[in-house]
């Protein structure tokens, strides 16, 4: 048997673990599980935060859109009222001219 084989056999021989080994392995496994859970929780809390931010932005954007539409409607209403006032004033002028024309007597030229 060569020295290499003896070293290999020695390295692979069954040995008893040191005292407290099982407890340390279990404690380490719990730490790993806790870290995984914390990462998973952080991951989900990050996703929920992002989802809430998107919803808030959509609501704010919708509100802003409604405010802008309302302002545009108010502007349109004001323009329509101005147009109606101007049209009413022009109609009054035309009516006055028509009534003046109706009041005038038509003079026919005399025949000679």
PDB file of N, CA and C in Angstrom:
ATOM      1  N   UNK A   1       0.845  -1.164   0.000  1.00  0.00           N
ATOM      2  CA  UNK A   1       0.000   0.000   0.000  1.00  0.00           C
ATOM      3  C   UNK A   1       0.896   1.234   0.000  1.00  0.00           C
ATOM      4  N   UNK A   2       0.587   2.164  -0.888  1.00  0.00           N
ATOM      5  CA  UNK A   2       1.426   3.348  -1.022  1.00  0.00           C
ATOM      6  C   UNK A   2       1.077   4.380   0.046  1.00  0.00           C
ATOM      7  N   UNK A   3       1.938   5.330   0.178  1.00  0.00           N
ATOM      8  CA  UNK A   3       1.725   6.405   1.157  1.00  0.00           C
ATOM      9  C   UNK A   3       0.454   7.182   0.815  1.00  0.00           C
ATOM     10  N   UNK A   4       0.219   7.393  -0.463  1.00  0.00           N
ATOM     11  CA  UNK A   4      -0.982   8.116  -0.911  1.00  0.00           C
ATOM     12  C   UNK A   4      -2.241   7.391  -0.454  1.00  0.00           C
ATOM     13  N   UNK A   5      -2.278   6.083  -0.629  1.00  0.00           N
ATOM     14  CA  UNK A   5      -3.441   5.302  -0.238  1.00  0.00           C
ATOM     15  C   UNK A   5      -3.636   5.342   1.269  1.00  0.00           C
ATOM     16  N   UNK A   6      -2.536   5.271   2.034  1.00  0.00           N
ATOM     17  CA  UNK A   6      -2.648   5.353   3.498  1.00  0.00           C
ATOM     18  C   UNK A   6      -3.193   6.709   3.922  1.00  0.00           C
ATOM     19  N   UNK A   7      -2.687   7.773   3.300  1.00  0.00           N
ATOM     20  CA  UNK A   7      -3.184   9.117   3.635  1.00  0.00           C
ATOM     21  C   UNK A   7      -4.675   9.250   3.291  1.00  0.00           C
ATOM     22  N   UNK A   8      -5.044   8.711   2.154  1.00  0.00           N
ATOM     23  CA  UNK A   8      -6.440   8.777   1.734  1.00  0.00           C
ATOM     24  C   UNK A   8      -7.322   7.986   2.692  1.00  0.00           C
ATOM     25  N   UNK A   9      -6.898   6.777   3.067  1.00  0.00           N
ATOM     26  CA  UNK A   9      -7.661   5.959   3.999  1.00  0.00           C
ATOM     27  C   UNK A   9      -7.785   6.667   5.346  1.00  0.00           C
ATOM     28  N   UNK A  10      -6.732   7.321   5.795  1.00  0.00           N
ATOM     29  CA  UNK A  10      -6.756   8.055   7.073  1.00  0.00           C
ATOM     30  C   UNK A  10      -7.724   9.242   6.990  1.00  0.00           C
ATOM     31  N   UNK A  11      -7.686   9.932   5.850  1.00  0.00           N
ATOM     32  CA  UNK A  11      -8.553  11.095   5.686  1.00  0.00           C
ATOM     33  C   UNK A  11     -10.020  10.694   5.615  1.00  0.00           C
ATOM     34  N   UNK A  12     -10.295   9.526   5.063  1.00  0.00           N
ATOM     35  CA  UNK A  12     -11.688   9.097   4.893  1.00  0.00           C
ATOM     36  C   UNK A  12     -12.202   8.230   6.032  1.00  0.00           C
ATOM     37  N   UNK A  13     -11.387   7.995   7.052  1.00  0.00           N
ATOM     38  CA  UNK A  13     -11.815   7.174   8.173  1.00  0.00           C
ATOM     39  C   UNK A  13     -12.873   7.930   8.963  1.00  0.00           C
ATOM     40  N   UNK A  14     -13.840   7.167   9.451  1.00  0.00           N
ATOM     41  CA  UNK A  14     -14.929   7.751  10.221  1.00  0.00           C
ATOM     42  C   UNK A  14     -14.398   8.284  11.540  1.00  0.00           C
ATOM     43  N   UNK A  15     -14.817   9.535  11.872  1.00  0.00           N
ATOM     44  CA  UNK A  15     -14.396  10.159  13.124  1.00  0.00           C
ATOM     45  C   UNK A  15     -15.626  10.658  13.853  1.00  0.00           C
ATOM     46  N   UNK A  16     -15.572  10.684  15.131  1.00  0.00           N
ATOM     47  CA  UNK A  16     -16.656  11.233  15.937  1.00  0.00           C
ATOM     48  C   UNK A  16     -16.574  12.762  15.881  1.00  0.00           C
ATOM     49  N   UNK A  17     -17.738  13.414  15.724  1.00  0.00           N
ATOM     50  CA  UNK A  17     -17.719  14.880  15.679  1.00  0.00           C
ATOM     51  C   UNK A  17     -17.359  15.446  17.042  1.00  0.00           C
ATOM     52  N   UNK A  18     -16.834  16.661  17.062  1.00  0.00           N
ATOM     53  CA  UNK A  18     -16.507  17.268  18.355  1.00  0.00           C
ATOM     54  C   UNK A  18     -17.779  17.554  19.143  1.00  0.00           C
ATOM     55  N   UNK A  19     -17.630  17.665  20.487  1.00  0.00           N
ATOM     56  CA  UNK A  19     -18.815  17.929  21.311  1.00  0.00           C
ATOM     57  C   UNK A  19     -19.482  19.258  20.880  1.00  0.00           C
ATOM     58  N   UNK A  20     -20.841  19.263  20.832  1.00  0.00           N
ATOM     59  CA  UNK A  20     -21.604  20.461  20.483  1.00  0.00           C
ATOM     60  C   UNK A  20     -21.743  20.703  18.990  1.00  0.00           C
ATOM     61  N   UNK A  21     -21.203  19.775  18.188  1.00  0.00           N
ATOM     62  CA  UNK A  21     -21.237  19.954  16.736  1.00  0.00           C
ATOM     63  C   UNK A  21     -22.677  20.006  16.215  1.00  0.00           C
ATOM     64  N   UNK A  22     -23.513  19.083  16.672  1.00  0.00           N
ATOM     65  CA  UNK A  22     -24.901  19.013  16.202  1.00  0.00           C
ATOM     66  C   UNK A  22     -25.649  20.299  16.567  1.00  0.00           C
ATOM     67  N   UNK A  23     -25.419  20.793  17.786  1.00  0.00           N
ATOM     68  CA  UNK A  23     -26.085  22.036  18.212  1.00  0.00           C
ATOM     69  C   UNK A  23     -25.670  23.217  17.355  1.00  0.00           C
ATOM     70  N   UNK A  24     -24.372  23.287  17.023  1.00  0.00           N
ATOM     71  CA  UNK A  24     -23.890  24.393  16.180  1.00  0.00           C
ATOM     72  C   UNK A  24     -24.482  24.317  14.772  1.00  0.00           C
ATOM     73  N   UNK A  25     -24.588  23.095  14.250  1.00  0.00           N
ATOM     74  CA  UNK A  25     -25.161  22.922  12.904  1.00  0.00           C
ATOM     75  C   UNK A  25     -26.627  23.358  12.901  1.00  0.00           C
ATOM     76  N   UNK A  26     -27.367  22.955  13.915  1.00  0.00           N
ATOM     77  CA  UNK A  26     -28.786  23.327  14.002  1.00  0.00           C
ATOM     78  C   UNK A  26     -28.937  24.837  14.160  1.00  0.00           C
ATOM     79  N   UNK A  27     -28.098  25.432  15.025  1.00  0.00           N
ATOM     80  CA  UNK A  27     -28.162  26.884  15.219  1.00  0.00           C
ATOM     81  C   UNK A  27     -27.851  27.621  13.917  1.00  0.00           C
ATOM     82  N   UNK A  28     -26.848  27.145  13.208  1.00  0.00           N
ATOM     83  CA  UNK A  28     -26.471  27.772  11.925  1.00  0.00           C
ATOM     84  C   UNK A  28     -27.598  27.633  10.904  1.00  0.00           C
ATOM     85  N   UNK A  29     -28.239  26.463  10.875  1.00  0.00           N
ATOM     86  CA  UNK A  29     -29.360  26.245   9.947  1.00  0.00           C
ATOM     87  C   UNK A  29     -30.502  27.209  10.267  1.00  0.00           C
ATOM     88  N   UNK A  30     -30.759  27.428  11.560  1.00  0.00           N
ATOM     89  CA  UNK A  30     -31.816  28.377  11.951  1.00  0.00           C
ATOM     90  C   UNK A  30     -31.470  29.795  11.506  1.00  0.00           C
ATOM     91  N   UNK A  31     -30.188  30.169  11.673  1.00  0.00           N
ATOM     92  CA  UNK A  31     -29.758  31.502  11.233  1.00  0.00           C
ATOM     93  C   UNK A  31     -29.989  31.682   9.733  1.00  0.00           C
ATOM     94  N   UNK A  32     -29.614  30.651   8.983  1.00  0.00           N
ATOM     95  CA  UNK A  32     -29.797  30.718   7.524  1.00  0.00           C
ATOM     96  C   UNK A  32     -31.281  30.850   7.188  1.00  0.00           C
ATOM     97  N   UNK A  33     -32.131  30.071   7.860  1.00  0.00           N
ATOM     98  CA  UNK A  33     -33.575  30.155   7.615  1.00  0.00           C
ATOM     99  C   UNK A  33     -34.118  31.532   7.969  1.00  0.00           C
ATOM    100  N   UNK A  34     -33.657  32.087   9.099  1.00  0.00           N
ATOM    101  CA  UNK A  34     -34.117  33.413   9.508  1.00  0.00           C
ATOM    102  C   UNK A  34     -33.703  34.476   8.496  1.00  0.00           C
ATOM    103  N   UNK A  35     -32.471  34.368   7.999  1.00  0.00           N
ATOM    104  CA  UNK A  35     -32.012  35.327   6.978  1.00  0.00           C
ATOM    105  C   UNK A  35     -32.830  35.205   5.703  1.00  0.00           C
ATOM    106  N   UNK A  36     -33.128  33.965   5.314  1.00  0.00           N
ATOM    107  CA  UNK A  36     -33.950  33.751   4.111  1.00  0.00           C
ATOM    108  C   UNK A  36     -35.334  34.353   4.299  1.00  0.00           C
ATOM    109  N   UNK A  37     -35.915  34.120   5.477  1.00  0.00           N
ATOM    110  CA  UNK A  37     -37.240  34.678   5.754  1.00  0.00           C
ATOM    111  C   UNK A  37     -37.197  36.200   5.755  1.00  0.00           C
ATOM    112  N   UNK A  38     -36.140  36.759   6.359  1.00  0.00           N
ATOM    113  CA  UNK A  38     -36.013  38.222   6.389  1.00  0.00           C
ATOM    114  C   UNK A  38     -35.869  38.767   4.973  1.00  0.00           C
ATOM    115  N   UNK A  39     -35.073  38.099   4.133  1.00  0.00           N
ATOM    116  CA  UNK A  39     -34.914  38.529   2.740  1.00  0.00           C
ATOM    117  C   UNK A  39     -36.230  38.416   1.983  1.00  0.00           C
ATOM    118  N   UNK A  40     -36.929  37.316   2.224  1.00  0.00           N
ATOM    119  CA  UNK A  40     -38.208  37.123   1.544  1.00  0.00           C
ATOM    120  C   UNK A  40     -39.206  38.196   1.981  1.00  0.00           C
ATOM    121  N   UNK A  41     -39.212  38.481   3.289  1.00  0.00           N
ATOM    122  CA  UNK A  41     -40.106  39.522   3.802  1.00  0.00           C
ATOM    123  C   UNK A  41     -39.741  40.870   3.203  1.00  0.00           C
ATOM    124  N   UNK A  42     -38.462  41.190   3.163  1.00  0.00           N
ATOM    125  CA  UNK A  42     -38.011  42.453   2.573  1.00  0.00           C
ATOM    126  C   UNK A  42     -38.393  42.513   1.101  1.00  0.00           C
ATOM    127  N   UNK A  43     -38.222  41.394   0.426  1.00  0.00           N
ATOM    128  CA  UNK A  43     -38.552  41.330  -0.998  1.00  0.00           C
ATOM    129  C   UNK A  43     -40.034  41.635  -1.206  1.00  0.00           C
ATOM    130  N   UNK A  44     -40.887  40.992  -0.404  1.00  0.00           N
ATOM    131  CA  UNK A  44     -42.317  41.224  -0.547  1.00  0.00           C
ATOM    132  C   UNK A  44     -42.699  42.615  -0.092  1.00  0.00           C
ATOM    133  N   UNK A  45     -42.079  43.123   0.968  1.00  0.00           N
ATOM    134  CA  UNK A  45     -42.416  44.478   1.422  1.00  0.00           C
ATOM    135  C   UNK A  45     -41.997  45.487   0.363  1.00  0.00           C
ATOM    136  N   UNK A  46     -40.882  45.237  -0.310  1.00  0.00           N
ATOM    137  CA  UNK A  46     -40.444  46.115  -1.399  1.00  0.00           C
ATOM    138  C   UNK A  46     -41.459  46.083  -2.536  1.00  0.00           C
ATOM    139  N   UNK A  47     -41.934  44.902  -2.871  1.00  0.00           N
ATOM    140  CA  UNK A  47     -42.927  44.783  -3.947  1.00  0.00           C
ATOM    141  C   UNK A  47     -44.231  45.476  -3.580  1.00  0.00           C
ATOM    142  N   UNK A  48     -44.661  45.279  -2.332  1.00  0.00           N
ATOM    143  CA  UNK A  48     -45.892  45.941  -1.894  1.00  0.00           C
ATOM    144  C   UNK A  48     -45.713  47.455  -1.892  1.00  0.00           C
ATOM    145  N   UNK A  49     -44.563  47.919  -1.459  1.00  0.00           N
ATOM    146  CA  UNK A  49     -44.300  49.364  -1.465  1.00  0.00           C
ATOM    147  C   UNK A  49     -44.346  49.912  -2.890  1.00  0.00           C
ATOM    148  N   UNK A  50     -43.760  49.175  -3.812  1.00  0.00           N
ATOM    149  CA  UNK A  50     -43.783  49.608  -5.212  1.00  0.00           C
ATOM    150  C   UNK A  50     -45.214  49.618  -5.748  1.00  0.00           C
ATOM    151  N   UNK A  51     -45.982  48.606  -5.400  1.00  0.00           N
ATOM    152  CA  UNK A  51     -47.377  48.543  -5.859  1.00  0.00           C
ATOM    153  C   UNK A  51     -48.189  49.701  -5.284  1.00  0.00           C
ATOM    154  N   UNK A  52     -47.989  49.991  -4.012  1.00  0.00           N
ATOM    155  CA  UNK A  52     -48.701  51.110  -3.382  1.00  0.00           C
ATOM    156  C   UNK A  52     -48.292  52.427  -4.041  1.00  0.00           C
ATOM    157  N   UNK A  53     -47.006  52.579  -4.328  1.00  0.00           N
ATOM    158  CA  UNK A  53     -46.532  53.810  -4.989  1.00  0.00           C
ATOM    159  C   UNK A  53     -47.177  53.964  -6.361  1.00  0.00           C
ATOM    160  N   UNK A  54     -47.285  52.873  -7.105  1.00  0.00           N
ATOM    161  CA  UNK A  54     -47.921  52.940  -8.428  1.00  0.00           C
ATOM    162  C   UNK A  54     -49.391  53.339  -8.302  1.00  0.00           C
ATOM    163  N   UNK A  55     -50.090  52.756  -7.338  1.00  0.00           N
ATOM    164  CA  UNK A  55     -51.505  53.088  -7.142  1.00  0.00           C
ATOM    165  C   UNK A  55     -51.658  54.556  -6.754  1.00  0.00           C
ATOM    166  N   UNK A  56     -50.808  55.045  -5.864  1.00  0.00           N
ATOM    167  CA  UNK A  56     -50.873  56.450  -5.449  1.00  0.00           C
ATOM    168  C   UNK A  56     -50.612  57.369  -6.638  1.00  0.00           C
ATOM    169  N   UNK A  57     -49.627  57.012  -7.464  1.00  0.00           N
ATOM    170  CA  UNK A  57     -49.331  57.842  -8.630  1.00  0.00           C
ATOM    171  C   UNK A  57     -50.496  57.828  -9.620  1.00  0.00           C
ATOM    172  N   UNK A  58     -51.124  56.674  -9.802  1.00  0.00           N
ATOM    173  CA  UNK A  58     -52.279  56.608 -10.698  1.00  0.00           C
ATOM    174  C   UNK A  58     -53.436  57.450 -10.177  1.00  0.00           C
ATOM    175  N   UNK A  59     -53.677  57.386  -8.872  1.00  0.00           N
ATOM    176  CA  UNK A  59     -54.750  58.192  -8.290  1.00  0.00           C
ATOM    177  C   UNK A  59     -54.446  59.683  -8.407  1.00  0.00           C
ATOM    178  N   UNK A  60     -53.205  60.051  -8.131  1.00  0.00           N
ATOM    179  CA  UNK A  60     -52.826  61.465  -8.248  1.00  0.00           C
ATOM    180  C   UNK A  60     -52.933  61.930  -9.695  1.00  0.00           C
ATOM    181  N   UNK A  61     -52.484  61.094 -10.624  1.00  0.00           N
ATOM    182  CA  UNK A  61     -52.585  61.443 -12.043  1.00  0.00           C
ATOM    183  C   UNK A  61     -54.032  61.573 -12.481  1.00  0.00           C
ATOM    184  N   UNK A  62     -54.884  60.668 -12.013  1.00  0.00           N
ATOM    185  CA  UNK A  62     -56.308  60.740 -12.343  1.00  0.00           C
ATOM    186  C   UNK A  62     -56.951  61.995 -11.789  1.00  0.00           C
ATOM    187  N   UNK A  63     -56.592  62.348 -10.561  1.00  0.00           N
ATOM    188  CA  UNK A  63     -57.126  63.571  -9.959  1.00  0.00           C
ATOM    189  C   UNK A  63     -56.669  64.796 -10.737  1.00  0.00           C
ATOM    190  N   UNK A  64     -55.408  64.829 -11.086  1.00  0.00           N
ATOM    191  CA  UNK A  64     -54.882  65.959 -11.853  1.00  0.00           C
ATOM    192  C   UNK A  64     -55.577  66.051 -13.206  1.00  0.00           C
ATOM    193  N   UNK A  65     -55.812  64.912 -13.834  1.00  0.00           N
ATOM    194  CA  UNK A  65     -56.507  64.890 -15.122  1.00  0.00           C
ATOM    195  C   UNK A  65     -57.918  65.461 -14.972  1.00  0.00           C
ATOM    196  N   UNK A  66     -58.620  65.064 -13.907  1.00  0.00           N
ATOM    197  CA  UNK A  66     -59.973  65.572 -13.684  1.00  0.00           C
ATOM    198  C   UNK A  66     -59.970  67.078 -13.438  1.00  0.00           C
ATOM    199  N   UNK A  67     -59.004  67.559 -12.676  1.00  0.00           N
ATOM    200  CA  UNK A  67     -58.906  68.999 -12.410  1.00  0.00           C
ATOM    201  C   UNK A  67     -58.668  69.750 -13.716  1.00  0.00           C
ATOM    202  N   UNK A  68     -57.761  69.242 -14.544  1.00  0.00           N
ATOM    203  CA  UNK A  68     -57.483  69.900 -15.824  1.00  0.00           C
ATOM    204  C   UNK A  68     -58.713  69.904 -16.720  1.00  0.00           C
ATOM    205  N   UNK A  69     -59.426  68.783 -16.761  1.00  0.00           N
ATOM    206  CA  UNK A  69     -60.647  68.730 -17.584  1.00  0.00           C
ATOM    207  C   UNK A  69     -61.676  69.719 -17.081  1.00  0.00           C
ATOM    208  N   UNK A  70     -61.801  69.827 -15.763  1.00  0.00           N
ATOM    209  CA  UNK A  70     -62.763  70.781 -15.189  1.00  0.00           C
ATOM    210  C   UNK A  70     -62.368  72.209 -15.561  1.00  0.00           C
ATOM    211  N   UNK A  71     -61.078  72.524 -15.467  1.00  0.00           N
ATOM    212  CA  UNK A  71     -60.615  73.866 -15.839  1.00  0.00           C
ATOM    213  C   UNK A  71     -60.881  74.146 -17.312  1.00  0.00           C
ATOM    214  N   UNK A  72     -60.638  73.155 -18.155  1.00  0.00           N
ATOM    215  CA  UNK A  72     -60.888  73.322 -19.585  1.00  0.00           C
ATOM    216  C   UNK A  72     -62.375  73.531 -19.849  1.00  0.00           C
ATOM    217  N   UNK A  73     -63.226  72.796 -19.150  1.00  0.00           N
ATOM    218  CA  UNK A  73     -64.671  72.957 -19.305  1.00  0.00           C
ATOM    219  C   UNK A  73     -65.103  74.357 -18.872  1.00  0.00           C
ATOM    220  N   UNK A  74     -64.534  74.849 -17.776  1.00  0.00           N
ATOM    221  CA  UNK A  74     -64.859  76.210 -17.315  1.00  0.00           C
ATOM    222  C   UNK A  74     -64.445  77.253 -18.349  1.00  0.00           C
ATOM    223  N   UNK A  75     -63.246  77.063 -18.933  1.00  0.00           N
ATOM    224  CA  UNK A  75     -62.788  77.990 -19.976  1.00  0.00           C
ATOM    225  C   UNK A  75     -63.716  77.964 -21.180  1.00  0.00           C
ATOM    226  N   UNK A  76     -64.122  76.778 -21.576  1.00  0.00           N
ATOM    227  CA  UNK A  76     -65.027  76.638 -22.716  1.00  0.00           C
ATOM    228  C   UNK A  76     -66.369  77.300 -22.421  1.00  0.00           C
ATOM    229  N   UNK A  77     -66.861  77.122 -21.214  1.00  0.00           N
ATOM    230  CA  UNK A  77     -68.128  77.745 -20.826  1.00  0.00           C
ATOM    231  C   UNK A  77     -68.019  79.264 -20.884  1.00  0.00           C
ATOM    232  N   UNK A  78     -66.911  79.793 -20.357  1.00  0.00           N
ATOM    233  CA  UNK A  78     -66.710  81.250 -20.387  1.00  0.00           C
ATOM    234  C   UNK A  78     -66.654  81.766 -21.823  1.00  0.00           C
ATOM    235  N   UNK A  79     -65.974  81.030 -22.703  1.00  0.00           N
ATOM    236  CA  UNK A  79     -65.886  81.446 -24.105  1.00  0.00           C
ATOM    237  C   UNK A  79     -67.261  81.402 -24.771  1.00  0.00           C
ATOM    238  N   UNK A  80     -68.059  80.384 -24.447  1.00  0.00           N
ATOM    239  CA  UNK A  80     -69.396  80.285 -25.021  1.00  0.00           C
ATOM    240  C   UNK A  80     -70.272  81.440 -24.553  1.00  0.00           C
ATOM    241  N   UNK A  81     -70.205  81.763 -23.266  1.00  0.00           N
ATOM    242  CA  UNK A  81     -71.008  82.877 -22.744  1.00  0.00           C
ATOM    243  C   UNK A  81     -70.603  84.192 -23.396  1.00  0.00           C
ATOM    244  N   UNK A  82     -69.312  84.412 -23.599  1.00  0.00           N
ATOM    245  CA  UNK A  82     -68.845  85.627 -24.271  1.00  0.00           C
ATOM    246  C   UNK A  82     -69.365  85.671 -25.705  1.00  0.00           C
ATOM    247  N   UNK A  83     -69.287  84.532 -26.388  1.00  0.00           N
ATOM    248  CA  UNK A  83     -69.777  84.475 -27.771  1.00  0.00           C
ATOM    249  C   UNK A  83     -71.274  84.760 -27.818  1.00  0.00           C
ATOM    250  N   UNK A  84     -72.031  84.235 -26.870  1.00  0.00           N
ATOM    251  CA  UNK A  84     -73.473  84.490 -26.835  1.00  0.00           C
ATOM    252  C   UNK A  84     -73.768  85.959 -26.545  1.00  0.00           C
ATOM    253  N   UNK A  85     -72.992  86.580 -25.651  1.00  0.00           N
ATOM    254  CA  UNK A  85     -73.190  88.014 -25.372  1.00  0.00           C
ATOM    255  C   UNK A  85     -72.907  88.855 -26.622  1.00  0.00           C
ATOM    256  N   UNK A  86     -71.808  88.532 -27.293  1.00  0.00           N
ATOM    257  CA  UNK A  86     -71.473  89.281 -28.503  1.00  0.00           C
ATOM    258  C   UNK A  86     -72.543  89.093 -29.580  1.00  0.00           C
ATOM    259  N   UNK A  87     -72.994  87.850 -29.737  1.00  0.00           N
ATOM    260  CA  UNK A  87     -74.031  87.574 -30.722  1.00  0.00           C
ATOM    261  C   UNK A  87     -75.319  88.309 -30.367  1.00  0.00           C
ATOM    262  N   UNK A  88     -75.671  88.319 -29.094  1.00  0.00           N
ATOM    263  CA  UNK A  88     -76.873  89.038 -28.650  1.00  0.00           C
ATOM    264  C   UNK A  88     -76.768  90.520 -28.935  1.00  0.00           C
ATOM    265  N   UNK A  89     -75.585  91.096 -28.708  1.00  0.00           N
ATOM    266  CA  UNK A  89     -75.394  92.526 -28.975  1.00  0.00           C
ATOM    267  C   UNK A  89     -75.550  92.810 -30.466  1.00  0.00           C
ATOM    268  N   UNK A  90     -74.964  91.950 -31.299  1.00  0.00           N
ATOM    269  CA  UNK A  90     -75.078  92.133 -32.755  1.00  0.00           C
ATOM    270  C   UNK A  90     -76.528  91.983 -33.204  1.00  0.00           C
ATOM    271  N   UNK A  91     -77.254  91.026 -32.645  1.00  0.00           N
ATOM    272  CA  UNK A  91     -78.663  90.823 -33.009  1.00  0.00           C
ATOM    273  C   UNK A  91     -79.480  92.054 -32.625  1.00  0.00           C
ATOM    274  N   UNK A  92     -79.204  92.658 -31.453  1.00  0.00           N
ATOM    275  CA  UNK A  92     -79.918  93.873 -31.038  1.00  0.00           C
ATOM    276  C   UNK A  92     -79.678  95.018 -32.018  1.00  0.00           C
ATOM    277  N   UNK A  93     -78.431  95.159 -32.480  1.00  0.00           N
ATOM    278  CA  UNK A  93     -78.108  96.208 -33.437  1.00  0.00           C
ATOM    279  C   UNK A  93     -78.896  95.991 -34.728  1.00  0.00           C
ATOM    280  N   UNK A  94     -78.946  94.770 -35.203  1.00  0.00           N
ATOM    281  CA  UNK A  94     -79.685  94.464 -36.431  1.00  0.00           C
ATOM    282  C   UNK A  94     -81.174  94.723 -36.229  1.00  0.00           C
ATOM    283  N   UNK A  95     -81.712  94.336 -35.064  1.00  0.00           N
ATOM    284  CA  UNK A  95     -83.134  94.572 -34.799  1.00  0.00           C
ATOM    285  C   UNK A  95     -83.450  96.068 -34.771  1.00  0.00           C
ATOM    286  N   UNK A  96     -82.568  96.861 -34.170  1.00  0.00           N
ATOM    287  CA  UNK A  96     -82.797  98.312 -34.134  1.00  0.00           C
ATOM    288  C   UNK A  96     -82.804  98.889 -35.542  1.00  0.00           C
ATOM    289  N   UNK A  97     -81.892  98.455 -36.374  1.00  0.00           N
ATOM    290  CA  UNK A  97     -81.851  98.947 -37.752  1.00  0.00           C
ATOM    291  C   UNK A  97     -83.112  98.548 -38.515  1.00  0.00           C
ATOM    292  N   UNK A  98     -83.542  97.313 -38.284  1.00  0.00           N
ATOM    293  CA  UNK A  98     -84.751  96.867 -38.954  1.00  0.00           C
ATOM    294  C   UNK A  98     -85.966  97.666 -38.502  1.00  0.00           C
ATOM    295  N   UNK A  99     -86.061  97.950 -37.222  1.00  0.00           N
ATOM    296  CA  UNK A  99     -87.209  98.718 -36.732  1.00  0.00           C
ATOM    297  C   UNK A  99     -87.151 100.155 -37.250  1.00  0.00           C
ATOM    298  N   UNK A 100     -85.959 100.707 -37.402  1.00  0.00           N
ATOM    299  CA  UNK A 100     -85.839 102.067 -37.973  1.00  0.00           C
ATOM    300  C   UNK A 100     -86.273 102.064 -39.435  1.00  0.00           C
ATOM    301  N   UNK A 101     -85.919 101.024 -40.133  1.00  0.00           N
ATOM    302  CA  UNK A 101     -86.311 100.935 -41.543  1.00  0.00           C
ATOM    303  C   UNK A 101     -87.820 100.808 -41.647  1.00  0.00           C
ATOM    304  N   UNK A 102     -88.423 100.053 -40.752  1.00  0.00           N
ATOM    305  CA  UNK A 102     -89.877  99.876 -40.794  1.00  0.00           C
ATOM    306  C   UNK A 102     -90.589 101.175 -40.473  1.00  0.00           C
ATOM    307  N   UNK A 103     -90.009 102.018 -39.653  1.00  0.00           N
ATOM    308  CA  UNK A 103     -90.640 103.271 -39.264  1.00  0.00           C
ATOM    309  C   UNK A 103     -90.571 104.320 -40.372  1.00  0.00           C
ATOM    310  N   UNK A 104     -89.564 104.246 -41.160  1.00  0.00           N
ATOM    311  CA  UNK A 104     -89.443 105.218 -42.239  1.00  0.00           C
ATOM    312  C   UNK A 104     -90.547 104.981 -43.260  1.00  0.00           C
ATOM    313  N   UNK A 105     -91.022 106.018 -43.741  1.00  0.00           N
ATOM    314  CA  UNK A 105     -92.028 105.883 -44.806  1.00  0.00           C
ATOM    315  C   UNK A 105     -91.311 105.906 -46.132  1.00  0.00           C
ATOM    316  N   UNK A 106     -91.819 105.144 -46.949  1.00  0.00           N
ATOM    317  CA  UNK A 106     -91.202 105.075 -48.257  1.00  0.00           C
ATOM    318  C   UNK A 106     -91.806 106.182 -49.099  1.00  0.00           C
ATOM    319  N   UNK A 107     -90.964 107.051 -49.537  1.00  0.00           N
ATOM    320  CA  UNK A 107     -91.438 108.152 -50.366  1.00  0.00           C
ATOM    321  C   UNK A 107     -91.253 107.764 -51.839  1.00  0.00           C
ATOM    322  N   UNK A 108     -92.334 107.858 -52.520  1.00  0.00           N
ATOM    323  CA  UNK A 108     -92.286 107.560 -53.932  1.00  0.00           C
ATOM    324  C   UNK A 108     -91.993 108.837 -54.702  1.00  0.00           C
ATOM    325  N   UNK A 109     -91.206 108.742 -55.708  1.00  0.00           N
ATOM    326  CA  UNK A 109     -90.949 109.954 -56.482  1.00  0.00           C
ATOM    327  C   UNK A 109     -92.248 110.415 -57.193  1.00  0.00           C
ATOM    328  N   UNK A 110     -92.426 111.695 -57.242  1.00  0.00           N
ATOM    329  CA  UNK A 110     -93.658 112.211 -57.862  1.00  0.00           C
ATOM    330  C   UNK A 110     -93.532 112.159 -59.374  1.00  0.00           C
ATOM    331  N   UNK A 111     -94.704 111.967 -60.060  1.00  0.00           N
ATOM    332  CA  UNK A 111     -94.734 111.870 -61.499  1.00  0.00           C
ATOM    333  C   UNK A 111     -95.008 113.232 -62.107  1.00  0.00           C
ATOM    334  N   UNK A 112     -94.311 113.587 -62.995  1.00  0.00           N
ATOM    335  CA  UNK A 112     -94.539 114.901 -63.596  1.00  0.00           C
ATOM    336  C   UNK A 112     -94.701 114.819 -65.048  1.00  0.00           C
TER     337      UNK A 112
END
